[in-house]
Amino acid sequence: MGKKTKNKKLKRILRAQALASNAQTESVTVLATDENGEIKSTPAVTKQEAEVIQVSEDKKEVRHEIKKILITIAVLVLIIVAVDLVNSRTDIILKIGQFFADKLNLNL
């Protein structure tokens, strides 16, 4: 599984390099690697197709970031709900707060 990810990253890097070096031309040759690790040239890609490929990769990265943000928000909500439930059933949260206020010399 790691090898596939490495190859995908390598292909993306090679595409970006090919796009950067041939931005002025009408068509771009995209480099790719085969299973043996040898670099081979694929058919030429037009500038529009290269931009579409880049946009689709950007969308994947954005979706990944959005998923991470949603997971973080869900975890924080669960923590808040758990603290609220513990606080409603016991007074341990109040005691912990008072302990920190005493140790840090906070005037509440």
PDB file of N, CA and C in Angstrom:
ATOM      1  N   MET A   1       0.819  -1.195   0.000  1.00  0.00           N
ATOM      2  CA  MET A   1       0.000   0.000   0.000  1.00  0.00           C
ATOM      3  C   MET A   1       0.859   1.253   0.000  1.00  0.00           C
ATOM      4  N   GLY A   2       1.959   1.226   0.728  1.00  0.00           N
ATOM      5  CA  GLY A   2       2.838   2.382   0.772  1.00  0.00           C
ATOM      6  C   GLY A   2       3.471   2.669  -0.566  1.00  0.00           C
ATOM      7  N   LYS A   3       3.724   1.617  -1.337  1.00  0.00           N
ATOM      8  CA  LYS A   3       4.354   1.799  -2.634  1.00  0.00           C
ATOM      9  C   LYS A   3       3.427   2.541  -3.586  1.00  0.00           C
ATOM     10  N   LYS A   4       2.132   2.218  -3.554  1.00  0.00           N
ATOM     11  CA  LYS A   4       1.179   2.910  -4.411  1.00  0.00           C
ATOM     12  C   LYS A   4       1.110   4.387  -4.061  1.00  0.00           C
ATOM     13  N   THR A   5       1.095   4.692  -2.781  1.00  0.00           N
ATOM     14  CA  THR A   5       1.052   6.082  -2.353  1.00  0.00           C
ATOM     15  C   THR A   5       2.302   6.813  -2.810  1.00  0.00           C
ATOM     16  N   LYS A   6       3.452   6.145  -2.709  1.00  0.00           N
ATOM     17  CA  LYS A   6       4.697   6.771  -3.123  1.00  0.00           C
ATOM     18  C   LYS A   6       4.679   7.046  -4.621  1.00  0.00           C
ATOM     19  N   ASN A   7       4.157   6.094  -5.394  1.00  0.00           N
ATOM     20  CA  ASN A   7       4.079   6.291  -6.831  1.00  0.00           C
ATOM     21  C   ASN A   7       3.120   7.418  -7.188  1.00  0.00           C
ATOM     22  N   LYS A   8       2.007   7.528  -6.483  1.00  0.00           N
ATOM     23  CA  LYS A   8       1.057   8.609  -6.746  1.00  0.00           C
ATOM     24  C   LYS A   8       1.702   9.959  -6.468  1.00  0.00           C
ATOM     25  N   LYS A   9       2.419  10.028  -5.374  1.00  0.00           N
ATOM     26  CA  LYS A   9       3.084  11.287  -5.040  1.00  0.00           C
ATOM     27  C   LYS A   9       4.144  11.621  -6.074  1.00  0.00           C
ATOM     28  N   LEU A  10       4.893  10.613  -6.516  1.00  0.00           N
ATOM     29  CA  LEU A  10       5.920  10.831  -7.519  1.00  0.00           C
ATOM     30  C   LEU A  10       5.304  11.296  -8.829  1.00  0.00           C
ATOM     31  N   LYS A  11       4.193  10.680  -9.222  1.00  0.00           N
ATOM     32  CA  LYS A  11       3.520  11.094 -10.448  1.00  0.00           C
ATOM     33  C   LYS A  11       3.043  12.536 -10.344  1.00  0.00           C
ATOM     34  N   ARG A  12       2.497  12.903  -9.188  1.00  0.00           N
ATOM     35  CA  ARG A  12       2.005  14.266  -9.001  1.00  0.00           C
ATOM     36  C   ARG A  12       3.164  15.263  -9.066  1.00  0.00           C
ATOM     37  N   ILE A  13       4.289  14.905  -8.463  1.00  0.00           N
ATOM     38  CA  ILE A  13       5.455  15.790  -8.493  1.00  0.00           C
ATOM     39  C   ILE A  13       5.976  15.928  -9.914  1.00  0.00           C
ATOM     40  N   LEU A  14       6.049  14.810 -10.623  1.00  0.00           N
ATOM     41  CA  LEU A  14       6.545  14.853 -11.998  1.00  0.00           C
ATOM     42  C   LEU A  14       5.609  15.650 -12.897  1.00  0.00           C
ATOM     43  N   ARG A  15       4.305  15.514 -12.688  1.00  0.00           N
ATOM     44  CA  ARG A  15       3.349  16.308 -13.465  1.00  0.00           C
ATOM     45  C   ARG A  15       3.533  17.791 -13.193  1.00  0.00           C
ATOM     46  N   ALA A  16       3.693  18.140 -11.918  1.00  0.00           N
ATOM     47  CA  ALA A  16       3.866  19.550 -11.566  1.00  0.00           C
ATOM     48  C   ALA A  16       5.146  20.107 -12.178  1.00  0.00           C
ATOM     49  N   GLN A  17       6.215  19.312 -12.174  1.00  0.00           N
ATOM     50  CA  GLN A  17       7.457  19.767 -12.776  1.00  0.00           C
ATOM     51  C   GLN A  17       7.316  19.928 -14.280  1.00  0.00           C
ATOM     52  N   ALA A  18       6.613  18.988 -14.910  1.00  0.00           N
ATOM     53  CA  ALA A  18       6.403  19.081 -16.351  1.00  0.00           C
ATOM     54  C   ALA A  18       5.558  20.298 -16.693  1.00  0.00           C
ATOM     55  N   LEU A  19       4.553  20.568 -15.884  1.00  0.00           N
ATOM     56  CA  LEU A  19       3.709  21.748 -16.116  1.00  0.00           C
ATOM     57  C   LEU A  19       4.494  23.037 -15.941  1.00  0.00           C
ATOM     58  N   ALA A  20       5.351  23.066 -14.929  1.00  0.00           N
ATOM     59  CA  ALA A  20       6.119  24.284 -14.681  1.00  0.00           C
ATOM     60  C   ALA A  20       7.128  24.546 -15.792  1.00  0.00           C
ATOM     61  N   SER A  21       7.750  23.486 -16.289  1.00  0.00           N
ATOM     62  CA  SER A  21       8.779  23.687 -17.298  1.00  0.00           C
ATOM     63  C   SER A  21       8.208  23.949 -18.687  1.00  0.00           C
ATOM     64  N   ASN A  22       7.032  23.460 -18.957  1.00  0.00           N
ATOM     65  CA  ASN A  22       6.447  23.604 -20.288  1.00  0.00           C
ATOM     66  C   ASN A  22       5.162  24.428 -20.259  1.00  0.00           C
ATOM     67  N   ALA A  23       5.078  25.414 -19.400  1.00  0.00           N
ATOM     68  CA  ALA A  23       3.853  26.202 -19.256  1.00  0.00           C
ATOM     69  C   ALA A  23       3.549  27.031 -20.500  1.00  0.00           C
ATOM     70  N   GLN A  24       4.567  27.431 -21.256  1.00  0.00           N
ATOM     71  CA  GLN A  24       4.353  28.278 -22.416  1.00  0.00           C
ATOM     72  C   GLN A  24       3.876  27.478 -23.629  1.00  0.00           C
ATOM     73  N   THR A  25       4.193  26.207 -23.687  1.00  0.00           N
ATOM     74  CA  THR A  25       3.835  25.410 -24.852  1.00  0.00           C
ATOM     75  C   THR A  25       2.373  24.996 -24.800  1.00  0.00           C
ATOM     76  N   GLU A  26       1.860  24.566 -25.942  1.00  0.00           N
ATOM     77  CA  GLU A  26       0.451  24.185 -26.027  1.00  0.00           C
ATOM     78  C   GLU A  26       0.197  22.803 -25.437  1.00  0.00           C
ATOM     79  N   SER A  27       1.154  21.910 -25.553  1.00  0.00           N
ATOM     80  CA  SER A  27       0.973  20.576 -24.988  1.00  0.00           C
ATOM     81  C   SER A  27       2.117  20.263 -24.039  1.00  0.00           C
ATOM     82  N   VAL A  28       1.838  19.367 -23.090  1.00  0.00           N
ATOM     83  CA  VAL A  28       2.798  19.024 -22.050  1.00  0.00           C
ATOM     84  C   VAL A  28       2.977  17.516 -22.050  1.00  0.00           C
ATOM     85  N   THR A  29       4.215  17.058 -21.997  1.00  0.00           N
ATOM     86  CA  THR A  29       4.485  15.636 -21.875  1.00  0.00           C
ATOM     87  C   THR A  29       4.560  15.304 -20.393  1.00  0.00           C
ATOM     88  N   VAL A  30       3.736  14.350 -19.961  1.00  0.00           N
ATOM     89  CA  VAL A  30       3.678  13.975 -18.559  1.00  0.00           C
ATOM     90  C   VAL A  30       4.550  12.755 -18.357  1.00  0.00           C
ATOM     91  N   LEU A  31       5.394  12.806 -17.339  1.00  0.00           N
ATOM     92  CA  LEU A  31       6.267  11.692 -17.030  1.00  0.00           C
ATOM     93  C   LEU A  31       5.613  10.826 -15.977  1.00  0.00           C
ATOM     94  N   ALA A  32       5.789   9.527 -16.105  1.00  0.00           N
ATOM     95  CA  ALA A  32       5.226   8.591 -15.139  1.00  0.00           C
ATOM     96  C   ALA A  32       6.222   7.462 -14.939  1.00  0.00           C
ATOM     97  N   THR A  33       6.032   6.701 -13.875  1.00  0.00           N
ATOM     98  CA  THR A  33       6.904   5.567 -13.620  1.00  0.00           C
ATOM     99  C   THR A  33       6.105   4.287 -13.769  1.00  0.00           C
ATOM    100  N   ASP A  34       6.767   3.244 -14.260  1.00  0.00           N
ATOM    101  CA  ASP A  34       6.097   1.956 -14.337  1.00  0.00           C
ATOM    102  C   ASP A  34       6.408   1.169 -13.074  1.00  0.00           C
ATOM    103  N   GLU A  35       6.019  -0.085 -13.028  1.00  0.00           N
ATOM    104  CA  GLU A  35       6.193  -0.890 -11.820  1.00  0.00           C
ATOM    105  C   GLU A  35       7.663  -1.111 -11.456  1.00  0.00           C
ATOM    106  N   ASN A  36       8.548  -1.087 -12.442  1.00  0.00           N
ATOM    107  CA  ASN A  36       9.974  -1.297 -12.180  1.00  0.00           C
ATOM    108  C   ASN A  36      10.669  -0.033 -11.702  1.00  0.00           C
ATOM    109  N   GLY A  37       9.983   1.078 -11.708  1.00  0.00           N
ATOM    110  CA  GLY A  37      10.562   2.332 -11.264  1.00  0.00           C
ATOM    111  C   GLY A  37      11.196   3.125 -12.380  1.00  0.00           C
ATOM    112  N   GLU A  38      11.083   2.650 -13.623  1.00  0.00           N
ATOM    113  CA  GLU A  38      11.658   3.359 -14.749  1.00  0.00           C
ATOM    114  C   GLU A  38      10.733   4.497 -15.162  1.00  0.00           C
ATOM    115  N   ILE A  39      11.323   5.613 -15.496  1.00  0.00           N
ATOM    116  CA  ILE A  39      10.538   6.769 -15.910  1.00  0.00           C
ATOM    117  C   ILE A  39      10.209   6.618 -17.385  1.00  0.00           C
ATOM    118  N   LYS A  40       8.942   6.770 -17.703  1.00  0.00           N
ATOM    119  CA  LYS A  40       8.520   6.677 -19.097  1.00  0.00           C
ATOM    120  C   LYS A  40       7.658   7.884 -19.428  1.00  0.00           C
ATOM    121  N   SER A  41       7.584   8.173 -20.689  1.00  0.00           N
ATOM    122  CA  SER A  41       6.825   9.326 -21.146  1.00  0.00           C
ATOM    123  C   SER A  41       5.444   8.857 -21.592  1.00  0.00           C
ATOM    124  N   THR A  42       4.416   9.553 -21.154  1.00  0.00           N
ATOM    125  CA  THR A  42       3.053   9.235 -21.559  1.00  0.00           C
ATOM    126  C   THR A  42       2.652  10.197 -22.670  1.00  0.00           C
ATOM    127  N   PRO A  43       1.530   9.960 -23.321  1.00  0.00           N
ATOM    128  CA  PRO A  43       1.106  10.865 -24.398  1.00  0.00           C
ATOM    129  C   PRO A  43       0.968  12.301 -23.904  1.00  0.00           C
ATOM    130  N   ALA A  44       1.110  13.227 -24.834  1.00  0.00           N
ATOM    131  CA  ALA A  44       1.064  14.645 -24.489  1.00  0.00           C
ATOM    132  C   ALA A  44      -0.317  15.019 -23.950  1.00  0.00           C
ATOM    133  N   VAL A  45      -0.316  15.913 -22.992  1.00  0.00           N
ATOM    134  CA  VAL A  45      -1.541  16.399 -22.373  1.00  0.00           C
ATOM    135  C   VAL A  45      -1.645  17.883 -22.685  1.00  0.00           C
ATOM    136  N   THR A  46      -2.825  18.307 -23.104  1.00  0.00           N
ATOM    137  CA  THR A  46      -2.983  19.727 -23.406  1.00  0.00           C
ATOM    138  C   THR A  46      -2.964  20.528 -22.123  1.00  0.00           C
ATOM    139  N   LYS A  47      -2.822  21.816 -22.283  1.00  0.00           N
ATOM    140  CA  LYS A  47      -2.727  22.697 -21.121  1.00  0.00           C
ATOM    141  C   LYS A  47      -4.016  22.650 -20.298  1.00  0.00           C
ATOM    142  N   GLN A  48      -5.173  22.595 -20.961  1.00  0.00           N
ATOM    143  CA  GLN A  48      -6.445  22.531 -20.243  1.00  0.00           C
ATOM    144  C   GLN A  48      -6.556  21.237 -19.446  1.00  0.00           C
ATOM    145  N   GLU A  49      -6.172  20.117 -20.069  1.00  0.00           N
ATOM    146  CA  GLU A  49      -6.233  18.836 -19.366  1.00  0.00           C
ATOM    147  C   GLU A  49      -5.302  18.838 -18.165  1.00  0.00           C
ATOM    148  N   ALA A  50      -4.130  19.431 -18.311  1.00  0.00           N
ATOM    149  CA  ALA A  50      -3.192  19.508 -17.190  1.00  0.00           C
ATOM    150  C   ALA A  50      -3.779  20.334 -16.054  1.00  0.00           C
ATOM    151  N   GLU A  51      -4.473  21.414 -16.392  1.00  0.00           N
ATOM    152  CA  GLU A  51      -5.110  22.238 -15.362  1.00  0.00           C
ATOM    153  C   GLU A  51      -6.234  21.470 -14.682  1.00  0.00           C
ATOM    154  N   VAL A  52      -6.983  20.676 -15.441  1.00  0.00           N
ATOM    155  CA  VAL A  52      -8.059  19.872 -14.861  1.00  0.00           C
ATOM    156  C   VAL A  52      -7.482  18.836 -13.907  1.00  0.00           C
ATOM    157  N   ILE A  53      -6.373  18.223 -14.301  1.00  0.00           N
ATOM    158  CA  ILE A  53      -5.717  17.244 -13.424  1.00  0.00           C
ATOM    159  C   ILE A  53      -5.281  17.920 -12.135  1.00  0.00           C
ATOM    160  N   GLN A  54      -4.697  19.101 -12.243  1.00  0.00           N
ATOM    161  CA  GLN A  54      -4.233  19.821 -11.059  1.00  0.00           C
ATOM    162  C   GLN A  54      -5.403  20.210 -10.163  1.00  0.00           C
ATOM    163  N   VAL A  55      -6.511  20.658 -10.766  1.00  0.00           N
ATOM    164  CA  VAL A  55      -7.680  21.059  -9.978  1.00  0.00           C
ATOM    165  C   VAL A  55      -8.271  19.854  -9.263  1.00  0.00           C
ATOM    166  N   SER A  56      -8.330  18.698  -9.945  1.00  0.00           N
ATOM    167  CA  SER A  56      -8.885  17.509  -9.299  1.00  0.00           C
ATOM    168  C   SER A  56      -8.010  17.061  -8.135  1.00  0.00           C
ATOM    169  N   GLU A  57      -6.686  17.187  -8.282  1.00  0.00           N
ATOM    170  CA  GLU A  57      -5.803  16.845  -7.169  1.00  0.00           C
ATOM    171  C   GLU A  57      -5.965  17.831  -6.029  1.00  0.00           C
ATOM    172  N   ASP A  58      -6.161  19.105  -6.342  1.00  0.00           N
ATOM    173  CA  ASP A  58      -6.396  20.103  -5.294  1.00  0.00           C
ATOM    174  C   ASP A  58      -7.698  19.813  -4.561  1.00  0.00           C
ATOM    175  N   LYS A  59      -8.726  19.396  -5.305  1.00  0.00           N
ATOM    176  CA  LYS A  59     -10.007  19.067  -4.673  1.00  0.00           C
ATOM    177  C   LYS A  59      -9.842  17.903  -3.711  1.00  0.00           C
ATOM    178  N   LYS A  60      -9.034  16.908  -4.087  1.00  0.00           N
ATOM    179  CA  LYS A  60      -8.805  15.769  -3.198  1.00  0.00           C
ATOM    180  C   LYS A  60      -8.126  16.229  -1.918  1.00  0.00           C
ATOM    181  N   GLU A  61      -7.151  17.122  -2.039  1.00  0.00           N
ATOM    182  CA  GLU A  61      -6.459  17.621  -0.859  1.00  0.00           C
ATOM    183  C   GLU A  61      -7.403  18.426   0.029  1.00  0.00           C
ATOM    184  N   VAL A  62      -8.263  19.234  -0.595  1.00  0.00           N
ATOM    185  CA  VAL A  62      -9.223  20.036   0.176  1.00  0.00           C
ATOM    186  C   VAL A  62     -10.210  19.124   0.892  1.00  0.00           C
ATOM    187  N   ARG A  63     -10.693  18.099   0.197  1.00  0.00           N
ATOM    188  CA  ARG A  63     -11.624  17.154   0.833  1.00  0.00           C
ATOM    189  C   ARG A  63     -10.960  16.465   2.011  1.00  0.00           C
ATOM    190  N   HIS A  64      -9.698  16.110   1.866  1.00  0.00           N
ATOM    191  CA  HIS A  64      -8.970  15.470   2.959  1.00  0.00           C
ATOM    192  C   HIS A  64      -8.866  16.410   4.158  1.00  0.00           C
ATOM    193  N   GLU A  65      -8.557  17.669   3.899  1.00  0.00           N
ATOM    194  CA  GLU A  65      -8.463  18.651   4.981  1.00  0.00           C
ATOM    195  C   GLU A  65      -9.821  18.871   5.645  1.00  0.00           C
ATOM    196  N   ILE A  66     -10.888  18.909   4.852  1.00  0.00           N
ATOM    197  CA  ILE A  66     -12.227  19.090   5.413  1.00  0.00           C
ATOM    198  C   ILE A  66     -12.589  17.912   6.300  1.00  0.00           C
ATOM    199  N   LYS A  67     -12.249  16.693   5.877  1.00  0.00           N
ATOM    200  CA  LYS A  67     -12.525  15.520   6.699  1.00  0.00           C
ATOM    201  C   LYS A  67     -11.779  15.603   8.028  1.00  0.00           C
ATOM    202  N   LYS A  68     -10.513  16.038   8.000  1.00  0.00           N
ATOM    203  CA  LYS A  68      -9.752  16.165   9.232  1.00  0.00           C
ATOM    204  C   LYS A  68     -10.383  17.201  10.161  1.00  0.00           C
ATOM    205  N   ILE A  69     -10.849  18.314   9.590  1.00  0.00           N
ATOM    206  CA  ILE A  69     -11.486  19.359  10.401  1.00  0.00           C
ATOM    207  C   ILE A  69     -12.773  18.840  11.015  1.00  0.00           C
ATOM    208  N   LEU A  70     -13.584  18.120  10.241  1.00  0.00           N
ATOM    209  CA  LEU A  70     -14.842  17.588  10.763  1.00  0.00           C
ATOM    210  C   LEU A  70     -14.596  16.562  11.863  1.00  0.00           C
ATOM    211  N   ILE A  71     -13.588  15.729  11.705  1.00  0.00           N
ATOM    212  CA  ILE A  71     -13.259  14.755  12.749  1.00  0.00           C
ATOM    213  C   ILE A  71     -12.811  15.464  14.017  1.00  0.00           C
ATOM    214  N   THR A  72     -12.017  16.520  13.872  1.00  0.00           N
ATOM    215  CA  THR A  72     -11.563  17.287  15.034  1.00  0.00           C
ATOM    216  C   THR A  72     -12.740  17.938  15.753  1.00  0.00           C
ATOM    217  N   ILE A  73     -13.655  18.518  14.994  1.00  0.00           N
ATOM    218  CA  ILE A  73     -14.842  19.147  15.599  1.00  0.00           C
ATOM    219  C   ILE A  73     -15.676  18.104  16.327  1.00  0.00           C
ATOM    220  N   ALA A  74     -15.853  16.920  15.715  1.00  0.00           N
ATOM    221  CA  ALA A  74     -16.645  15.863  16.348  1.00  0.00           C
ATOM    222  C   ALA A  74     -16.011  15.412  17.660  1.00  0.00           C
ATOM    223  N   VAL A  75     -14.688  15.284  17.677  1.00  0.00           N
ATOM    224  CA  VAL A  75     -14.001  14.881  18.905  1.00  0.00           C
ATOM    225  C   VAL A  75     -14.167  15.943  19.982  1.00  0.00           C
ATOM    226  N   LEU A  76     -14.038  17.204  19.604  1.00  0.00           N
ATOM    227  CA  LEU A  76     -14.210  18.278  20.591  1.00  0.00           C
ATOM    228  C   LEU A  76     -15.630  18.312  21.145  1.00  0.00           C
ATOM    229  N   VAL A  77     -16.621  18.108  20.289  1.00  0.00           N
ATOM    230  CA  VAL A  77     -18.014  18.076  20.756  1.00  0.00           C
ATOM    231  C   VAL A  77     -18.215  16.914  21.722  1.00  0.00           C
ATOM    232  N   LEU A  78     -17.647  15.751  21.397  1.00  0.00           N
ATOM    233  CA  LEU A  78     -17.769  14.606  22.310  1.00  0.00           C
ATOM    234  C   LEU A  78     -17.104  14.884  23.651  1.00  0.00           C
ATOM    235  N   ILE A  79     -15.969  15.548  23.637  1.00  0.00           N
ATOM    236  CA  ILE A  79     -15.291  15.889  24.896  1.00  0.00           C
ATOM    237  C   ILE A  79     -16.144  16.847  25.714  1.00  0.00           C
ATOM    238  N   ILE A  80     -16.728  17.845  25.055  1.00  0.00           N
ATOM    239  CA  ILE A  80     -17.569  18.807  25.771  1.00  0.00           C
ATOM    240  C   ILE A  80     -18.793  18.122  26.362  1.00  0.00           C
ATOM    241  N   VAL A  81     -19.408  17.235  25.600  1.00  0.00           N
ATOM    242  CA  VAL A  81     -20.590  16.511  26.104  1.00  0.00           C
ATOM    243  C   VAL A  81     -20.192  15.626  27.283  1.00  0.00           C
ATOM    244  N   ALA A  82     -19.052  14.953  27.187  1.00  0.00           N
ATOM    245  CA  ALA A  82     -18.608  14.094  28.287  1.00  0.00           C
ATOM    246  C   ALA A  82     -18.331  14.908  29.552  1.00  0.00           C
ATOM    247  N   VAL A  83     -17.686  16.059  29.394  1.00  0.00           N
ATOM    248  CA  VAL A  83     -17.414  16.917  30.557  1.00  0.00           C
ATOM    249  C   VAL A  83     -18.720  17.419  31.158  1.00  0.00           C
ATOM    250  N   ASP A  84     -19.679  17.775  30.330  1.00  0.00           N
ATOM    251  CA  ASP A  84     -20.974  18.238  30.825  1.00  0.00           C
ATOM    252  C   ASP A  84     -21.699  17.130  31.593  1.00  0.00           C
ATOM    253  N   LEU A  85     -21.663  15.898  31.068  1.00  0.00           N
ATOM    254  CA  LEU A  85     -22.305  14.789  31.768  1.00  0.00           C
ATOM    255  C   LEU A  85     -21.628  14.510  33.100  1.00  0.00           C
ATOM    256  N   VAL A  86     -20.304  14.533  33.121  1.00  0.00           N
ATOM    257  CA  VAL A  86     -19.584  14.309  34.373  1.00  0.00           C
ATOM    258  C   VAL A  86     -19.886  15.430  35.359  1.00  0.00           C
ATOM    259  N   ASN A  87     -19.954  16.656  34.859  1.00  0.00           N
ATOM    260  CA  ASN A  87     -20.237  17.804  35.725  1.00  0.00           C
ATOM    261  C   ASN A  87     -21.649  17.734  36.298  1.00  0.00           C
ATOM    262  N   SER A  88     -22.599  17.256  35.523  1.00  0.00           N
ATOM    263  CA  SER A  88     -23.974  17.201  36.023  1.00  0.00           C
ATOM    264  C   SER A  88     -24.163  16.102  37.066  1.00  0.00           C
ATOM    265  N   ARG A  89     -23.349  15.062  37.019  1.00  0.00           N
ATOM    266  CA  ARG A  89     -23.520  13.950  37.953  1.00  0.00           C
ATOM    267  C   ARG A  89     -22.615  14.063  39.180  1.00  0.00           C
ATOM    268  N   THR A  90     -21.455  14.677  39.026  1.00  0.00           N
ATOM    269  CA  THR A  90     -20.543  14.825  40.161  1.00  0.00           C
ATOM    270  C   THR A  90     -20.052  16.272  40.193  1.00  0.00           C
ATOM    271  N   ASP A  91     -19.323  16.610  41.222  1.00  0.00           N
ATOM    272  CA  ASP A  91     -18.756  17.941  41.323  1.00  0.00           C
ATOM    273  C   ASP A  91     -17.241  17.922  41.132  1.00  0.00           C
ATOM    274  N   ILE A  92     -16.737  16.898  40.464  1.00  0.00           N
ATOM    275  CA  ILE A  92     -15.283  16.756  40.307  1.00  0.00           C
ATOM    276  C   ILE A  92     -14.699  17.857  39.420  1.00  0.00           C
ATOM    277  N   ILE A  93     -15.453  18.319  38.428  1.00  0.00           N
ATOM    278  CA  ILE A  93     -14.960  19.381  37.545  1.00  0.00           C
ATOM    279  C   ILE A  93     -14.784  20.670  38.353  1.00  0.00           C
ATOM    280  N   LEU A  94     -15.727  20.963  39.222  1.00  0.00           N
ATOM    281  CA  LEU A  94     -15.630  22.150  40.081  1.00  0.00           C
ATOM    282  C   LEU A  94     -14.425  22.049  41.005  1.00  0.00           C
ATOM    283  N   LYS A  95     -14.197  20.875  41.576  1.00  0.00           N
ATOM    284  CA  LYS A  95     -13.051  20.681  42.468  1.00  0.00           C
ATOM    285  C   LYS A  95     -11.732  20.829  41.713  1.00  0.00           C
ATOM    286  N   ILE A  96     -11.673  20.302  40.502  1.00  0.00           N
ATOM    287  CA  ILE A  96     -10.449  20.437  39.698  1.00  0.00           C
ATOM    288  C   ILE A  96     -10.196  21.910  39.382  1.00  0.00           C
ATOM    289  N   GLY A  97     -11.242  22.640  39.021  1.00  0.00           N
ATOM    290  CA  GLY A  97     -11.097  24.065  38.737  1.00  0.00           C
ATOM    291  C   GLY A  97     -10.626  24.848  39.951  1.00  0.00           C
ATOM    292  N   GLN A  98     -11.185  24.536  41.112  1.00  0.00           N
ATOM    293  CA  GLN A  98     -10.762  25.209  42.335  1.00  0.00           C
ATOM    294  C   GLN A  98      -9.312  24.861  42.680  1.00  0.00           C
ATOM    295  N   PHE A  99      -8.913  23.614  42.444  1.00  0.00           N
ATOM    296  CA  PHE A  99      -7.538  23.198  42.710  1.00  0.00           C
ATOM    297  C   PHE A  99      -6.558  24.015  41.859  1.00  0.00           C
ATOM    298  N   PHE A 100      -6.850  24.124  40.549  1.00  0.00           N
ATOM    299  CA  PHE A 100      -5.967  24.899  39.673  1.00  0.00           C
ATOM    300  C   PHE A 100      -5.973  26.386  40.047  1.00  0.00           C
ATOM    301  N   ALA A 101      -7.119  26.907  40.438  1.00  0.00           N
ATOM    302  CA  ALA A 101      -7.190  28.319  40.829  1.00  0.00           C
ATOM    303  C   ALA A 101      -6.356  28.564  42.086  1.00  0.00           C
ATOM    304  N   ASP A 102      -6.395  27.621  43.034  1.00  0.00           N
ATOM    305  CA  ASP A 102      -5.593  27.768  44.243  1.00  0.00           C
ATOM    306  C   ASP A 102      -4.102  27.669  43.953  1.00  0.00           C
ATOM    307  N   LYS A 103      -3.707  26.698  43.122  1.00  0.00           N
ATOM    308  CA  LYS A 103      -2.295  26.485  42.829  1.00  0.00           C
ATOM    309  C   LYS A 103      -1.690  27.611  41.970  1.00  0.00           C
ATOM    310  N   LEU A 104      -2.516  28.191  41.105  1.00  0.00           N
ATOM    311  CA  LEU A 104      -2.037  29.275  40.246  1.00  0.00           C
ATOM    312  C   LEU A 104      -2.296  30.654  40.832  1.00  0.00           C
ATOM    313  N   ASN A 105      -2.852  30.706  42.036  1.00  0.00           N
ATOM    314  CA  ASN A 105      -3.162  31.961  42.717  1.00  0.00           C
ATOM    315  C   ASN A 105      -4.067  32.867  41.873  1.00  0.00           C
ATOM    316  N   LEU A 106      -5.106  32.286  41.325  1.00  0.00           N
ATOM    317  CA  LEU A 106      -6.085  33.039  40.537  1.00  0.00           C
ATOM    318  C   LEU A 106      -7.208  33.500  41.442  1.00  0.00           C
ATOM    319  N   ASN A 107      -7.617  34.722  41.281  1.00  0.00           N
ATOM    320  CA  ASN A 107      -8.746  35.254  42.043  1.00  0.00           C
ATOM    321  C   ASN A 107      -9.993  35.190  41.159  1.00  0.00           C
ATOM    322  N   LEU A 108     -10.843  34.242  41.445  1.00  0.00           N
ATOM    323  CA  LEU A 108     -12.061  34.087  40.640  1.00  0.00           C
ATOM    324  C   LEU A 108     -13.234  34.666  41.315  1.00  0.00           C
TER     325      LEU A 108
END
